[in-house]
Amino acid sequence: MKLEPSITGVFVAAFLAGALCGEFTYRSSLCRNTFGLVVGRGRLLALVHGAGIYEAGVERAMQEAVNRGVVSDSEQTGEKIDRRSVLDFIALPTL
């Protein structure tokens, strides 16, 4: 007696394989770093609650801090801005 795969079984197996690959991609910092480089967001700096923080996001947040007057331009060019506070700002949940 020869077992032949049913169409439903093939679809279920394909669905499960896709879900596992997607989960691996979502959780893998290597894949997320590569995707960030490909789409122009820069290197992945941190994963916070499943959200990636990329170089472009930190640069944008630092520029926003300068624009809001939180940090002066001289501080930005003369000294390094405390990136931890910028990362904390990015990682804050928005309401």
Protein backbone atom coordinates (compact mmCIF):
# COMPACT_ATOMS: atom_id res chain seq x y z
CA MET A 1 0.00 0.00 0.00
CA LYS A 2 1.50 3.25 -1.16
CA LEU A 3 0.72 6.45 0.72
CA GLU A 4 0.24 9.53 -1.40
CA PRO A 5 0.27 12.97 0.17
CA SER A 6 -3.06 14.72 0.07
CA ILE A 7 -3.39 18.27 -1.14
CA THR A 8 -4.51 19.35 2.34
CA GLY A 9 -1.46 17.73 3.94
CA VAL A 10 0.86 19.47 1.50
CA PHE A 11 -0.78 22.85 2.20
CA VAL A 12 -0.56 22.33 5.97
CA ALA A 13 3.11 21.35 5.71
CA ALA A 14 3.87 24.38 3.51
CA PHE A 15 2.00 26.68 5.92
CA LEU A 16 3.91 25.36 8.93
CA ALA A 17 7.25 25.62 7.11
CA GLY A 18 6.48 29.22 6.13
CA ALA A 19 5.42 30.13 9.66
CA LEU A 20 8.62 28.65 11.12
CA CYS A 21 10.81 30.47 8.58
CA GLY A 22 8.99 33.73 9.25
CA GLU A 23 9.41 33.33 12.99
CA PHE A 24 13.13 32.63 12.54
CA THR A 25 13.50 35.72 10.36
CA TYR A 26 11.56 37.89 12.81
CA ARG A 27 13.63 36.81 15.80
CA SER A 28 17.06 36.55 14.15
CA SER A 29 19.23 39.60 14.69
CA LEU A 30 21.43 38.50 11.79
CA CYS A 31 18.50 38.57 9.36
CA ARG A 32 17.16 41.85 10.75
CA ASN A 33 20.61 43.45 10.51
CA THR A 34 20.86 42.34 6.87
CA PHE A 35 17.37 43.66 6.09
CA GLY A 36 18.25 46.98 7.71
CA LEU A 37 21.33 47.31 5.53
CA VAL A 38 19.40 46.35 2.38
CA VAL A 39 16.60 48.88 2.91
CA GLY A 40 18.93 51.70 3.98
CA ARG A 41 18.21 51.93 7.71
CA GLY A 42 21.78 51.01 8.68
CA ARG A 43 22.99 48.43 11.14
CA LEU A 44 20.74 46.97 13.81
CA LEU A 45 21.80 48.44 17.15
CA ALA A 46 19.30 46.86 19.54
CA LEU A 47 16.12 44.84 19.78
CA VAL A 48 13.68 46.28 22.32
CA HIS A 49 10.44 44.41 22.93
CA GLY A 50 10.67 42.92 19.43
CA ALA A 51 11.25 46.29 17.74
CA GLY A 52 14.54 46.95 16.00
CA ILE A 53 16.51 50.13 16.61
CA TYR A 54 18.65 50.99 13.60
CA GLU A 55 21.38 53.59 12.98
CA ALA A 56 19.05 55.75 10.89
CA GLY A 57 16.51 55.83 13.74
CA VAL A 58 19.14 56.97 16.23
CA GLU A 59 20.38 59.68 13.86
CA ARG A 60 16.78 60.83 13.33
CA ALA A 61 16.12 60.90 17.08
CA MET A 62 19.30 62.89 17.69
CA GLN A 63 18.29 65.39 15.02
CA GLU A 64 14.82 65.66 16.58
CA ALA A 65 16.46 66.32 19.97
CA VAL A 66 18.49 69.15 18.39
CA ASN A 67 15.38 70.55 16.70
CA ARG A 68 13.39 70.50 19.95
CA GLY A 69 16.20 72.24 21.81
CA VAL A 70 16.91 69.31 24.12
CA VAL A 71 20.49 69.19 22.81
CA SER A 72 22.34 72.12 21.27
CA ASP A 73 24.16 71.87 17.94
CA SER A 74 27.49 72.51 19.67
CA GLU A 75 26.91 69.53 21.96
CA GLN A 76 26.13 67.37 18.97
CA THR A 77 29.24 68.33 17.03
CA GLY A 78 31.62 68.88 19.94
CA GLU A 79 30.81 65.90 22.11
CA LYS A 80 29.03 62.62 21.68
CA ILE A 81 25.39 62.66 22.66
CA ASP A 82 24.48 60.10 25.29
CA ARG A 83 23.17 57.39 22.97
CA ARG A 84 21.57 55.55 25.87
CA SER A 85 19.14 58.42 26.43
CA VAL A 86 18.40 58.51 22.70
CA LEU A 87 17.78 54.76 22.71
CA ASP A 88 15.51 55.16 25.74
CA PHE A 89 13.59 57.85 23.84
CA ILE A 90 13.20 55.60 20.78
CA ALA A 91 12.20 52.59 22.85
CA LEU A 92 9.43 54.44 24.72
CA PRO A 93 6.01 53.20 23.67
CA THR A 94 3.97 55.84 21.91
CA LEU A 95 0.37 56.39 22.97
